[in-house]
């Protein structure tokens, strides 16, 4: 005699939910979803004053941009490429739109750059 094993549908649904919850938690952890990010507000009070001979990032060549500390050849080329694709920078803070130029890096060079 052959006996058929029937599965309890509630058990399957519960098991499926647990698998889904486990996979979702891994995805959220790996992608950073669910983490809170602290927004940093940039204003003139928490930035050093801009130097009188600061470099205009809208007109500077890649070679000139490389002379800025913390900006090497890679970032200088990214700045020039971004400028040619999207146009002039309206504010110095827009430099942070370039991947790899973090808030920290921007703060280190802010006093050396300007836009006109």
PDB file of N, CA and C in Angstrom:
ATOM      1  N   UNK A   1       0.828  -1.157   0.000  1.00  0.00           N
ATOM      2  CA  UNK A   1       0.000   0.000   0.000  1.00  0.00           C
ATOM      3  C   UNK A   1       0.886   1.237   0.000  1.00  0.00           C
ATOM      4  N   UNK A   2       0.578   2.192  -0.861  1.00  0.00           N
ATOM      5  CA  UNK A   2       1.343   3.428  -0.962  1.00  0.00           C
ATOM      6  C   UNK A   2       0.608   4.503  -0.182  1.00  0.00           C
ATOM      7  N   UNK A   3       1.351   5.137   0.675  1.00  0.00           N
ATOM      8  CA  UNK A   3       0.768   6.202   1.476  1.00  0.00           C
ATOM      9  C   UNK A   3       1.262   7.544   0.954  1.00  0.00           C
ATOM     10  N   UNK A   4       0.372   8.461   0.769  1.00  0.00           N
ATOM     11  CA  UNK A   4       0.747   9.793   0.314  1.00  0.00           C
ATOM     12  C   UNK A   4       1.012  10.668   1.530  1.00  0.00           C
ATOM     13  N   UNK A   5       2.110  11.366   1.478  1.00  0.00           N
ATOM     14  CA  UNK A   5       2.446  12.277   2.571  1.00  0.00           C
ATOM     15  C   UNK A   5       1.912  13.645   2.191  1.00  0.00           C
ATOM     16  N   UNK A   6       1.043  14.124   3.003  1.00  0.00           N
ATOM     17  CA  UNK A   6       0.505  15.458   2.716  1.00  0.00           C
ATOM     18  C   UNK A   6       1.259  16.478   3.559  1.00  0.00           C
ATOM     19  N   UNK A   7       1.517  17.584   2.952  1.00  0.00           N
ATOM     20  CA  UNK A   7       2.212  18.646   3.657  1.00  0.00           C
ATOM     21  C   UNK A   7       1.194  19.604   4.259  1.00  0.00           C
ATOM     22  N   UNK A   8       1.506  20.032   5.429  1.00  0.00           N
ATOM     23  CA  UNK A   8       0.644  20.993   6.102  1.00  0.00           C
ATOM     24  C   UNK A   8       0.857  22.357   5.433  1.00  0.00           C
ATOM     25  N   UNK A   9      -0.183  22.953   4.828  1.00  0.00           N
ATOM     26  CA  UNK A   9       0.005  24.239   4.137  1.00  0.00           C
ATOM     27  C   UNK A   9       0.439  25.353   5.067  1.00  0.00           C
ATOM     28  N   UNK A  10       0.041  25.307   6.314  1.00  0.00           N
ATOM     29  CA  UNK A  10       0.468  26.340   7.253  1.00  0.00           C
ATOM     30  C   UNK A  10       1.962  26.242   7.514  1.00  0.00           C
ATOM     31  N   UNK A  11       2.484  25.039   7.590  1.00  0.00           N
ATOM     32  CA  UNK A  11       3.911  24.841   7.803  1.00  0.00           C
ATOM     33  C   UNK A  11       4.695  25.378   6.611  1.00  0.00           C
ATOM     34  N   UNK A  12       4.218  25.091   5.400  1.00  0.00           N
ATOM     35  CA  UNK A  12       4.916  25.569   4.199  1.00  0.00           C
ATOM     36  C   UNK A  12       4.902  27.092   4.138  1.00  0.00           C
ATOM     37  N   UNK A  13       3.791  27.698   4.441  1.00  0.00           N
ATOM     38  CA  UNK A  13       3.721  29.153   4.406  1.00  0.00           C
ATOM     39  C   UNK A  13       4.627  29.772   5.449  1.00  0.00           C
ATOM     40  N   UNK A  14       4.659  29.178   6.635  1.00  0.00           N
ATOM     41  CA  UNK A  14       5.515  29.686   7.701  1.00  0.00           C
ATOM     42  C   UNK A  14       6.978  29.520   7.306  1.00  0.00           C
ATOM     43  N   UNK A  15       7.323  28.392   6.738  1.00  0.00           N
ATOM     44  CA  UNK A  15       8.688  28.135   6.315  1.00  0.00           C
ATOM     45  C   UNK A  15       9.079  29.118   5.211  1.00  0.00           C
ATOM     46  N   UNK A  16       8.188  29.329   4.242  1.00  0.00           N
ATOM     47  CA  UNK A  16       8.471  30.270   3.155  1.00  0.00           C
ATOM     48  C   UNK A  16       8.677  31.676   3.698  1.00  0.00           C
ATOM     49  N   UNK A  17       7.859  32.072   4.650  1.00  0.00           N
ATOM     50  CA  UNK A  17       7.999  33.394   5.246  1.00  0.00           C
ATOM     51  C   UNK A  17       9.341  33.537   5.941  1.00  0.00           C
ATOM     52  N   UNK A  18       9.753  32.508   6.676  1.00  0.00           N
ATOM     53  CA  UNK A  18      11.038  32.578   7.380  1.00  0.00           C
ATOM     54  C   UNK A  18      12.202  32.675   6.397  1.00  0.00           C
ATOM     55  N   UNK A  19      12.131  31.925   5.303  1.00  0.00           N
ATOM     56  CA  UNK A  19      13.186  31.989   4.290  1.00  0.00           C
ATOM     57  C   UNK A  19      13.219  33.384   3.670  1.00  0.00           C
ATOM     58  N   UNK A  20      12.031  33.906   3.341  1.00  0.00           N
ATOM     59  CA  UNK A  20      11.950  35.256   2.769  1.00  0.00           C
ATOM     60  C   UNK A  20      12.520  36.293   3.732  1.00  0.00           C
ATOM     61  N   UNK A  21      12.144  36.202   5.010  1.00  0.00           N
ATOM     62  CA  UNK A  21      12.622  37.162   6.006  1.00  0.00           C
ATOM     63  C   UNK A  21      14.136  37.087   6.156  1.00  0.00           C
ATOM     64  N   UNK A  22      14.688  35.896   6.130  1.00  0.00           N
ATOM     65  CA  UNK A  22      16.130  35.713   6.254  1.00  0.00           C
ATOM     66  C   UNK A  22      16.859  36.332   5.057  1.00  0.00           C
ATOM     67  N   UNK A  23      16.372  36.046   3.867  1.00  0.00           N
ATOM     68  CA  UNK A  23      17.007  36.581   2.660  1.00  0.00           C
ATOM     69  C   UNK A  23      16.881  38.106   2.623  1.00  0.00           C
ATOM     70  N   UNK A  24      15.715  38.620   2.991  1.00  0.00           N
ATOM     71  CA  UNK A  24      15.513  40.072   3.000  1.00  0.00           C
ATOM     72  C   UNK A  24      16.453  40.747   3.988  1.00  0.00           C
ATOM     73  N   UNK A  25      16.654  40.140   5.149  1.00  0.00           N
ATOM     74  CA  UNK A  25      17.548  40.750   6.135  1.00  0.00           C
ATOM     75  C   UNK A  25      18.984  40.777   5.632  1.00  0.00           C
ATOM     76  N   UNK A  26      19.397  39.751   4.906  1.00  0.00           N
ATOM     77  CA  UNK A  26      20.749  39.739   4.340  1.00  0.00           C
ATOM     78  C   UNK A  26      20.883  40.829   3.279  1.00  0.00           C
ATOM     79  N   UNK A  27      19.881  40.956   2.420  1.00  0.00           N
ATOM     80  CA  UNK A  27      19.923  41.978   1.374  1.00  0.00           C
ATOM     81  C   UNK A  27      19.972  43.373   1.981  1.00  0.00           C
ATOM     82  N   UNK A  28      19.142  43.641   2.974  1.00  0.00           N
ATOM     83  CA  UNK A  28      19.140  44.955   3.616  1.00  0.00           C
ATOM     84  C   UNK A  28      20.475  45.245   4.287  1.00  0.00           C
ATOM     85  N   UNK A  29      21.071  44.233   4.894  1.00  0.00           N
ATOM     86  CA  UNK A  29      22.363  44.421   5.547  1.00  0.00           C
ATOM     87  C   UNK A  29      23.452  44.729   4.532  1.00  0.00           C
ATOM     88  N   UNK A  30      23.474  44.000   3.429  1.00  0.00           N
ATOM     89  CA  UNK A  30      24.530  44.183   2.435  1.00  0.00           C
ATOM     90  C   UNK A  30      24.387  45.487   1.653  1.00  0.00           C
ATOM     91  N   UNK A  31      23.165  45.929   1.417  1.00  0.00           N
ATOM     92  CA  UNK A  31      22.975  47.150   0.638  1.00  0.00           C
ATOM     93  C   UNK A  31      22.943  48.406   1.486  1.00  0.00           C
ATOM     94  N   UNK A  32      22.910  48.254   2.791  1.00  0.00           N
ATOM     95  CA  UNK A  32      22.904  49.416   3.658  1.00  0.00           C
ATOM     96  C   UNK A  32      21.522  49.969   3.900  1.00  0.00           C
ATOM     97  N   UNK A  33      20.497  49.313   3.380  1.00  0.00           N
ATOM     98  CA  UNK A  33      19.130  49.778   3.619  1.00  0.00           C
ATOM     99  C   UNK A  33      18.799  49.571   5.087  1.00  0.00           C
ATOM    100  N   UNK A  34      18.060  50.454   5.596  1.00  0.00           N
ATOM    101  CA  UNK A  34      17.672  50.333   6.988  1.00  0.00           C
ATOM    102  C   UNK A  34      18.655  50.985   7.944  1.00  0.00           C
ATOM    103  N   UNK A  35      19.782  51.459   7.421  1.00  0.00           N
ATOM    104  CA  UNK A  35      20.717  52.161   8.290  1.00  0.00           C
ATOM    105  C   UNK A  35      20.452  53.647   8.186  1.00  0.00           C
ATOM    106  N   UNK A  36      20.658  54.324   9.235  1.00  0.00           N
ATOM    107  CA  UNK A  36      20.423  55.765   9.236  1.00  0.00           C
ATOM    108  C   UNK A  36      21.723  56.473   8.883  1.00  0.00           C
ATOM    109  N   UNK A  37      21.634  57.433   8.000  1.00  0.00           N
ATOM    110  CA  UNK A  37      22.797  58.213   7.601  1.00  0.00           C
ATOM    111  C   UNK A  37      22.679  59.601   8.205  1.00  0.00           C
ATOM    112  N   UNK A  38      23.782  60.064   8.736  1.00  0.00           N
ATOM    113  CA  UNK A  38      23.816  61.380   9.350  1.00  0.00           C
ATOM    114  C   UNK A  38      24.114  62.406   8.269  1.00  0.00           C
ATOM    115  N   UNK A  39      23.256  63.380   8.125  1.00  0.00           N
ATOM    116  CA  UNK A  39      23.460  64.418   7.127  1.00  0.00           C
ATOM    117  C   UNK A  39      24.316  65.523   7.723  1.00  0.00           C
ATOM    118  N   UNK A  40      25.337  65.904   6.994  1.00  0.00           N
ATOM    119  CA  UNK A  40      26.224  66.958   7.436  1.00  0.00           C
ATOM    120  C   UNK A  40      25.897  68.212   6.644  1.00  0.00           C
ATOM    121  N   UNK A  41      25.632  69.274   7.344  1.00  0.00           N
ATOM    122  CA  UNK A  41      25.296  70.537   6.701  1.00  0.00           C
ATOM    123  C   UNK A  41      26.559  71.376   6.587  1.00  0.00           C
ATOM    124  N   UNK A  42      26.863  71.787   5.365  1.00  0.00           N
ATOM    125  CA  UNK A  42      28.036  72.615   5.135  1.00  0.00           C
ATOM    126  C   UNK A  42      27.615  74.074   5.139  1.00  0.00           C
ATOM    127  N   UNK A  43      28.292  74.862   5.930  1.00  0.00           N
ATOM    128  CA  UNK A  43      28.066  76.302   5.904  1.00  0.00           C
ATOM    129  C   UNK A  43      29.386  77.002   6.199  1.00  0.00           C
ATOM    130  N   UNK A  44      29.382  78.290   6.096  1.00  0.00           N
ATOM    131  CA  UNK A  44      30.632  79.032   6.246  1.00  0.00           C
ATOM    132  C   UNK A  44      31.185  78.976   7.667  1.00  0.00           C
ATOM    133  N   UNK A  45      30.362  78.621   8.627  1.00  0.00           N
ATOM    134  CA  UNK A  45      30.838  78.574  10.007  1.00  0.00           C
ATOM    135  C   UNK A  45      31.749  77.382  10.272  1.00  0.00           C
ATOM    136  N   UNK A  46      31.525  76.262   9.583  1.00  0.00           N
ATOM    137  CA  UNK A  46      32.345  75.084   9.868  1.00  0.00           C
ATOM    138  C   UNK A  46      33.330  74.768   8.745  1.00  0.00           C
ATOM    139  N   UNK A  47      33.629  75.750   7.888  1.00  0.00           N
ATOM    140  CA  UNK A  47      34.629  75.591   6.839  1.00  0.00           C
ATOM    141  C   UNK A  47      35.669  76.705   6.959  1.00  0.00           C
ATOM    142  N   UNK A  48      36.922  76.405   6.622  1.00  0.00           N
ATOM    143  CA  UNK A  48      37.937  77.460   6.674  1.00  0.00           C
ATOM    144  C   UNK A  48      37.677  78.484   5.570  1.00  0.00           C
ATOM    145  N   UNK A  49      38.178  79.716   5.721  1.00  0.00           N
ATOM    146  CA  UNK A  49      37.971  80.735   4.689  1.00  0.00           C
ATOM    147  C   UNK A  49      38.685  80.353   3.387  1.00  0.00           C
ATOM    148  N   UNK A  50      38.115  80.771   2.275  1.00  0.00           N
ATOM    149  CA  UNK A  50      38.689  80.472   0.964  1.00  0.00           C
ATOM    150  C   UNK A  50      39.889  81.385   0.723  1.00  0.00           C
ATOM    151  N   UNK A  51      40.981  80.804   0.222  1.00  0.00           N
ATOM    152  CA  UNK A  51      42.175  81.588  -0.078  1.00  0.00           C
ATOM    153  C   UNK A  51      41.913  82.556  -1.224  1.00  0.00           C
ATOM    154  N   UNK A  52      42.642  83.640  -1.194  1.00  0.00           N
ATOM    155  CA  UNK A  52      42.507  84.664  -2.226  1.00  0.00           C
ATOM    156  C   UNK A  52      42.881  84.132  -3.605  1.00  0.00           C
ATOM    157  N   UNK A  53      43.892  83.266  -3.669  1.00  0.00           N
ATOM    158  CA  UNK A  53      44.336  82.706  -4.948  1.00  0.00           C
ATOM    159  C   UNK A  53      43.831  81.280  -5.162  1.00  0.00           C
ATOM    160  N   UNK A  54      42.611  80.989  -4.685  1.00  0.00           N
ATOM    161  CA  UNK A  54      42.017  79.666  -4.846  1.00  0.00           C
ATOM    162  C   UNK A  54      41.803  79.373  -6.330  1.00  0.00           C
ATOM    163  N   UNK A  55      41.875  78.108  -6.680  1.00  0.00           N
ATOM    164  CA  UNK A  55      41.769  77.665  -8.065  1.00  0.00           C
ATOM    165  C   UNK A  55      40.305  77.543  -8.480  1.00  0.00           C
ATOM    166  N   UNK A  56      39.959  78.113  -9.619  1.00  0.00           N
ATOM    167  CA  UNK A  56      38.606  78.030 -10.145  1.00  0.00           C
ATOM    168  C   UNK A  56      38.426  76.650 -10.790  1.00  0.00           C
ATOM    169  N   UNK A  57      37.587  75.820 -10.209  1.00  0.00           N
ATOM    170  CA  UNK A  57      37.420  74.450 -10.712  1.00  0.00           C
ATOM    171  C   UNK A  57      36.634  74.412 -12.027  1.00  0.00           C
ATOM    172  N   UNK A  58      36.049  75.517 -12.429  1.00  0.00           N
ATOM    173  CA  UNK A  58      35.329  75.555 -13.703  1.00  0.00           C
ATOM    174  C   UNK A  58      36.235  75.848 -14.888  1.00  0.00           C
ATOM    175  N   UNK A  59      37.402  76.391 -14.639  1.00  0.00           N
ATOM    176  CA  UNK A  59      38.301  76.745 -15.742  1.00  0.00           C
ATOM    177  C   UNK A  59      39.652  76.029 -15.661  1.00  0.00           C
ATOM    178  N   UNK A  60      39.946  75.394 -14.547  1.00  0.00           N
ATOM    179  CA  UNK A  60      41.256  74.770 -14.355  1.00  0.00           C
ATOM    180  C   UNK A  60      41.411  73.525 -15.230  1.00  0.00           C
ATOM    181  N   UNK A  61      42.605  73.323 -15.712  1.00  0.00           N
ATOM    182  CA  UNK A  61      42.913  72.115 -16.480  1.00  0.00           C
ATOM    183  C   UNK A  61      43.160  70.954 -15.511  1.00  0.00           C
ATOM    184  N   UNK A  62      43.230  69.764 -16.041  1.00  0.00           N
ATOM    185  CA  UNK A  62      43.487  68.579 -15.210  1.00  0.00           C
ATOM    186  C   UNK A  62      44.843  68.711 -14.511  1.00  0.00           C
ATOM    187  N   UNK A  63      45.824  69.259 -15.212  1.00  0.00           N
ATOM    188  CA  UNK A  63      47.161  69.427 -14.626  1.00  0.00           C
ATOM    189  C   UNK A  63      47.130  70.390 -13.447  1.00  0.00           C
ATOM    190  N   UNK A  64      46.362  71.455 -13.570  1.00  0.00           N
ATOM    191  CA  UNK A  64      46.241  72.420 -12.474  1.00  0.00           C
ATOM    192  C   UNK A  64      45.500  71.803 -11.290  1.00  0.00           C
ATOM    193  N   UNK A  65      44.458  71.037 -11.578  1.00  0.00           N
ATOM    194  CA  UNK A  65      43.681  70.399 -10.510  1.00  0.00           C
ATOM    195  C   UNK A  65      44.507  69.374  -9.743  1.00  0.00           C
ATOM    196  N   UNK A  66      45.438  68.717 -10.424  1.00  0.00           N
ATOM    197  CA  UNK A  66      46.302  67.724  -9.764  1.00  0.00           C
ATOM    198  C   UNK A  66      47.176  68.352  -8.685  1.00  0.00           C
ATOM    199  N   UNK A  67      47.437  69.638  -8.772  1.00  0.00           N
ATOM    200  CA  UNK A  67      48.294  70.312  -7.796  1.00  0.00           C
ATOM    201  C   UNK A  67      47.594  70.536  -6.456  1.00  0.00           C
ATOM    202  N   UNK A  68      46.269  70.391  -6.443  1.00  0.00           N
ATOM    203  CA  UNK A  68      45.521  70.536  -5.195  1.00  0.00           C
ATOM    204  C   UNK A  68      45.782  69.297  -4.345  1.00  0.00           C
ATOM    205  N   UNK A  69      46.111  69.469  -3.063  1.00  0.00           N
ATOM    206  CA  UNK A  69      46.313  68.308  -2.197  1.00  0.00           C
ATOM    207  C   UNK A  69      45.064  67.425  -2.168  1.00  0.00           C
ATOM    208  N   UNK A  70      45.256  66.123  -2.119  1.00  0.00           N
ATOM    209  CA  UNK A  70      44.185  65.123  -2.058  1.00  0.00           C
ATOM    210  C   UNK A  70      43.440  64.961  -3.381  1.00  0.00           C
ATOM    211  N   UNK A  71      43.892  65.638  -4.434  1.00  0.00           N
ATOM    212  CA  UNK A  71      43.317  65.464  -5.775  1.00  0.00           C
ATOM    213  C   UNK A  71      44.472  65.014  -6.662  1.00  0.00           C
ATOM    214  N   UNK A  72      44.441  63.790  -7.053  1.00  0.00           N
ATOM    215  CA  UNK A  72      45.479  63.271  -7.943  1.00  0.00           C
ATOM    216  C   UNK A  72      45.011  63.288  -9.381  1.00  0.00           C
ATOM    217  N   UNK A  73      45.716  62.552 -10.199  1.00  0.00           N
ATOM    218  CA  UNK A  73      45.388  62.488 -11.620  1.00  0.00           C
ATOM    219  C   UNK A  73      43.978  61.933 -11.838  1.00  0.00           C
ATOM    220  N   UNK A  74      43.625  60.900 -11.092  1.00  0.00           N
ATOM    221  CA  UNK A  74      42.320  60.246 -11.241  1.00  0.00           C
ATOM    222  C   UNK A  74      41.167  61.222 -10.988  1.00  0.00           C
ATOM    223  N   UNK A  75      41.213  61.937  -9.872  1.00  0.00           N
ATOM    224  CA  UNK A  75      40.133  62.862  -9.543  1.00  0.00           C
ATOM    225  C   UNK A  75      40.154  64.099 -10.441  1.00  0.00           C
ATOM    226  N   UNK A  76      41.324  64.531 -10.840  1.00  0.00           N
ATOM    227  CA  UNK A  76      41.414  65.684 -11.743  1.00  0.00           C
ATOM    228  C   UNK A  76      40.717  65.367 -13.064  1.00  0.00           C
ATOM    229  N   UNK A  77      40.948  64.168 -13.579  1.00  0.00           N
ATOM    230  CA  UNK A  77      40.293  63.771 -14.824  1.00  0.00           C
ATOM    231  C   UNK A  77      38.784  63.616 -14.635  1.00  0.00           C
ATOM    232  N   UNK A  78      38.367  63.109 -13.470  1.00  0.00           N
ATOM    233  CA  UNK A  78      36.934  62.983 -13.189  1.00  0.00           C
ATOM    234  C   UNK A  78      36.261  64.356 -13.115  1.00  0.00           C
ATOM    235  N   UNK A  79      36.964  65.335 -12.554  1.00  0.00           N
ATOM    236  CA  UNK A  79      36.413  66.694 -12.451  1.00  0.00           C
ATOM    237  C   UNK A  79      36.229  67.289 -13.839  1.00  0.00           C
ATOM    238  N   UNK A  80      37.248  67.170 -14.678  1.00  0.00           N
ATOM    239  CA  UNK A  80      37.169  67.714 -16.037  1.00  0.00           C
ATOM    240  C   UNK A  80      36.081  66.997 -16.831  1.00  0.00           C
ATOM    241  N   UNK A  81      35.979  65.678 -16.681  1.00  0.00           N
ATOM    242  CA  UNK A  81      34.951  64.911 -17.392  1.00  0.00           C
ATOM    243  C   UNK A  81      33.550  65.308 -16.925  1.00  0.00           C
ATOM    244  N   UNK A  82      33.372  65.450 -15.621  1.00  0.00           N
ATOM    245  CA  UNK A  82      32.073  65.857 -15.077  1.00  0.00           C
ATOM    246  C   UNK A  82      31.688  67.237 -15.604  1.00  0.00           C
ATOM    247  N   UNK A  83      32.641  68.125 -15.645  1.00  0.00           N
ATOM    248  CA  UNK A  83      32.407  69.483 -16.130  1.00  0.00           C
ATOM    249  C   UNK A  83      32.016  69.483 -17.608  1.00  0.00           C
ATOM    250  N   UNK A  84      32.646  68.630 -18.404  1.00  0.00           N
ATOM    251  CA  UNK A  84      32.317  68.589 -19.834  1.00  0.00           C
ATOM    252  C   UNK A  84      30.957  67.934 -20.080  1.00  0.00           C
ATOM    253  N   UNK A  85      30.558  66.993 -19.240  1.00  0.00           N
ATOM    254  CA  UNK A  85      29.258  66.323 -19.408  1.00  0.00           C
ATOM    255  C   UNK A  85      28.093  67.150 -18.881  1.00  0.00           C
ATOM    256  N   UNK A  86      28.284  67.755 -17.712  1.00  0.00           N
ATOM    257  CA  UNK A  86      27.176  68.391 -16.999  1.00  0.00           C
ATOM    258  C   UNK A  86      27.260  69.917 -16.943  1.00  0.00           C
ATOM    259  N   UNK A  87      28.318  70.477 -17.449  1.00  0.00           N
ATOM    260  CA  UNK A  87      28.468  71.928 -17.400  1.00  0.00           C
ATOM    261  C   UNK A  87      29.212  72.386 -16.159  1.00  0.00           C
ATOM    262  N   UNK A  88      29.237  73.676 -15.991  1.00  0.00           N
ATOM    263  CA  UNK A  88      29.993  74.293 -14.895  1.00  0.00           C
ATOM    264  C   UNK A  88      29.442  73.918 -13.534  1.00  0.00           C
ATOM    265  N   UNK A  89      30.315  73.938 -12.539  1.00  0.00           N
ATOM    266  CA  UNK A  89      29.904  73.761 -11.148  1.00  0.00           C
ATOM    267  C   UNK A  89      29.300  75.081 -10.682  1.00  0.00           C
ATOM    268  N   UNK A  90      28.120  75.038 -10.108  1.00  0.00           N
ATOM    269  CA  UNK A  90      27.495  76.269  -9.621  1.00  0.00           C
ATOM    270  C   UNK A  90      27.974  76.625  -8.220  1.00  0.00           C
ATOM    271  N   UNK A  91      28.329  75.598  -7.448  1.00  0.00           N
ATOM    272  CA  UNK A  91      28.834  75.813  -6.085  1.00  0.00           C
ATOM    273  C   UNK A  91      30.010  74.868  -5.870  1.00  0.00           C
ATOM    274  N   UNK A  92      30.968  75.245  -5.045  1.00  0.00           N
ATOM    275  CA  UNK A  92      32.092  74.345  -4.767  1.00  0.00           C
ATOM    276  C   UNK A  92      31.641  72.997  -4.200  1.00  0.00           C
ATOM    277  N   UNK A  93      30.537  72.994  -3.447  1.00  0.00           N
ATOM    278  CA  UNK A  93      30.035  71.766  -2.837  1.00  0.00           C
ATOM    279  C   UNK A  93      29.599  70.745  -3.874  1.00  0.00           C
ATOM    280  N   UNK A  94      29.300  71.189  -5.090  1.00  0.00           N
ATOM    281  CA  UNK A  94      28.879  70.266  -6.143  1.00  0.00           C
ATOM    282  C   UNK A  94      30.012  69.343  -6.569  1.00  0.00           C
ATOM    283  N   UNK A  95      31.211  69.648  -6.141  1.00  0.00           N
ATOM    284  CA  UNK A  95      32.344  68.761  -6.397  1.00  0.00           C
ATOM    285  C   UNK A  95      32.119  67.393  -5.763  1.00  0.00           C
ATOM    286  N   UNK A  96      31.311  67.348  -4.703  1.00  0.00           N
ATOM    287  CA  UNK A  96      31.028  66.075  -4.030  1.00  0.00           C
ATOM    288  C   UNK A  96      30.097  65.185  -4.840  1.00  0.00           C
ATOM    289  N   UNK A  97      29.599  65.657  -5.966  1.00  0.00           N
ATOM    290  CA  UNK A  97      28.812  64.810  -6.864  1.00  0.00           C
ATOM    291  C   UNK A  97      29.694  63.796  -7.581  1.00  0.00           C
ATOM    292  N   UNK A  98      30.975  64.049  -7.592  1.00  0.00           N
ATOM    293  CA  UNK A  98      31.915  63.150  -8.252  1.00  0.00           C
ATOM    294  C   UNK A  98      32.208  61.981  -7.318  1.00  0.00           C
ATOM    295  N   UNK A  99      31.995  60.748  -7.793  1.00  0.00           N
ATOM    296  CA  UNK A  99      32.253  59.578  -6.941  1.00  0.00           C
ATOM    297  C   UNK A  99      33.688  59.574  -6.414  1.00  0.00           C
ATOM    298  N   UNK A 100      33.826  59.380  -5.126  1.00  0.00           N
ATOM    299  CA  UNK A 100      35.142  59.331  -4.500  1.00  0.00           C
ATOM    300  C   UNK A 100      35.522  60.619  -3.786  1.00  0.00           C
ATOM    301  N   UNK A 101      34.849  61.705  -4.093  1.00  0.00           N
ATOM    302  CA  UNK A 101      35.127  62.959  -3.387  1.00  0.00           C
ATOM    303  C   UNK A 101      34.120  63.057  -2.252  1.00  0.00           C
ATOM    304  N   UNK A 102      34.586  62.668  -1.103  1.00  0.00           N
ATOM    305  CA  UNK A 102      33.735  62.597   0.081  1.00  0.00           C
ATOM    306  C   UNK A 102      33.656  63.959   0.771  1.00  0.00           C
ATOM    307  N   UNK A 103      32.801  64.014   1.763  1.00  0.00           N
ATOM    308  CA  UNK A 103      32.679  65.229   2.572  1.00  0.00           C
ATOM    309  C   UNK A 103      34.020  65.568   3.211  1.00  0.00           C
ATOM    310  N   UNK A 104      34.706  64.556   3.704  1.00  0.00           N
ATOM    311  CA  UNK A 104      36.003  64.781   4.357  1.00  0.00           C
ATOM    312  C   UNK A 104      37.025  65.347   3.368  1.00  0.00           C
ATOM    313  N   UNK A 105      37.105  64.745   2.185  1.00  0.00           N
ATOM    314  CA  UNK A 105      38.057  65.224   1.177  1.00  0.00           C
ATOM    315  C   UNK A 105      37.697  66.655   0.759  1.00  0.00           C
ATOM    316  N   UNK A 106      36.400  66.927   0.598  1.00  0.00           N
ATOM    317  CA  UNK A 106      35.972  68.263   0.212  1.00  0.00           C
ATOM    318  C   UNK A 106      36.382  69.286   1.270  1.00  0.00           C
ATOM    319  N   UNK A 107      36.178  68.957   2.531  1.00  0.00           N
ATOM    320  CA  UNK A 107      36.546  69.884   3.608  1.00  0.00           C
ATOM    321  C   UNK A 107      38.043  70.170   3.619  1.00  0.00           C
ATOM    322  N   UNK A 108      38.842  69.181   3.219  1.00  0.00           N
ATOM    323  CA  UNK A 108      40.297  69.367   3.205  1.00  0.00           C
ATOM    324  C   UNK A 108      40.753  70.307   2.088  1.00  0.00           C
ATOM    325  N   UNK A 109      39.959  70.400   1.014  1.00  0.00           N
ATOM    326  CA  UNK A 109      40.385  71.224  -0.119  1.00  0.00           C
ATOM    327  C   UNK A 109      39.514  72.457  -0.326  1.00  0.00           C
ATOM    328  N   UNK A 110      38.449  72.621   0.432  1.00  0.00           N
ATOM    329  CA  UNK A 110      37.492  73.704   0.202  1.00  0.00           C
ATOM    330  C   UNK A 110      38.154  75.081   0.149  1.00  0.00           C
ATOM    331  N   UNK A 111      39.105  75.335   0.998  1.00  0.00           N
ATOM    332  CA  UNK A 111      39.740  76.650   1.046  1.00  0.00           C
ATOM    333  C   UNK A 111      40.658  76.912  -0.158  1.00  0.00           C
ATOM    334  N   UNK A 112      40.897  75.881  -0.954  1.00  0.00           N
ATOM    335  CA  UNK A 112      41.795  76.011  -2.103  1.00  0.00           C
ATOM    336  C   UNK A 112      41.063  76.129  -3.435  1.00  0.00           C
ATOM    337  N   UNK A 113      39.724  75.998  -3.407  1.00  0.00           N
ATOM    338  CA  UNK A 113      38.970  76.016  -4.663  1.00  0.00           C
ATOM    339  C   UNK A 113      37.871  77.087  -4.616  1.00  0.00           C
ATOM    340  N   UNK A 114      37.439  77.478  -5.821  1.00  0.00           N
ATOM    341  CA  UNK A 114      36.337  78.426  -5.929  1.00  0.00           C
ATOM    342  C   UNK A 114      35.635  78.167  -7.257  1.00  0.00           C
ATOM    343  N   UNK A 115      34.471  78.785  -7.430  1.00  0.00           N
ATOM    344  CA  UNK A 115      33.768  78.741  -8.716  1.00  0.00           C
ATOM    345  C   UNK A 115      33.404  80.170  -9.091  1.00  0.00           C
ATOM    346  N   UNK A 116      33.449  80.474 -10.363  1.00  0.00           N
ATOM    347  CA  UNK A 116      33.062  81.794 -10.869  1.00  0.00           C
ATOM    348  C   UNK A 116      32.063  81.620 -11.978  1.00  0.00           C
TER     349      UNK A 116
END
